[in-house]
Amino acid sequence: MGWLQRIFGKEKPAGAQVNPEPAPASAEVPEAEKTASGTIAPERVGLNGEYDQSGLAKRVALAFDEDAGLDDIETLWVAQLGTTVVLKGKVPSQDLLNKAIEISRTVNGAADVTTAEVNVG
């Protein structure tokens, strides 16, 4: 089972990307979640460029799935608070946590990564 399946209960959709082009914001997108240019805010862009309240966390999970060096660690979870990626749970080593942080930072919309709720060891 991969990260997307375990955390969000969904398989990777066709055409899913870690950093897709955001779609133009429709009327359903809250004003606070639009950019000045009328696109979806980067942290709310879903796997296919659509609006998704949890878009950043889902794209981080997809990035974890796509990195062969980061197997699905069943005790680590991904969430988001605005533009902050929140990692919580437990990882077997600091190296794996560092890898997860590094990958998280490559995802558009991730301004910060917090690991305050992660135990190592």
Foldseek 3Di string as FASTA:
>chain_A
DALCCLAVVDDQDPPFALEEAADFDDPPDDPVQADPVRTGNQCQQARHNYGHPFRLQNSLSVLLRPDPVRGDDNQWHWGDDQQEIEIAGEDAAPVNVVVSQVSSVVGGSRPYYDDPRYYYD
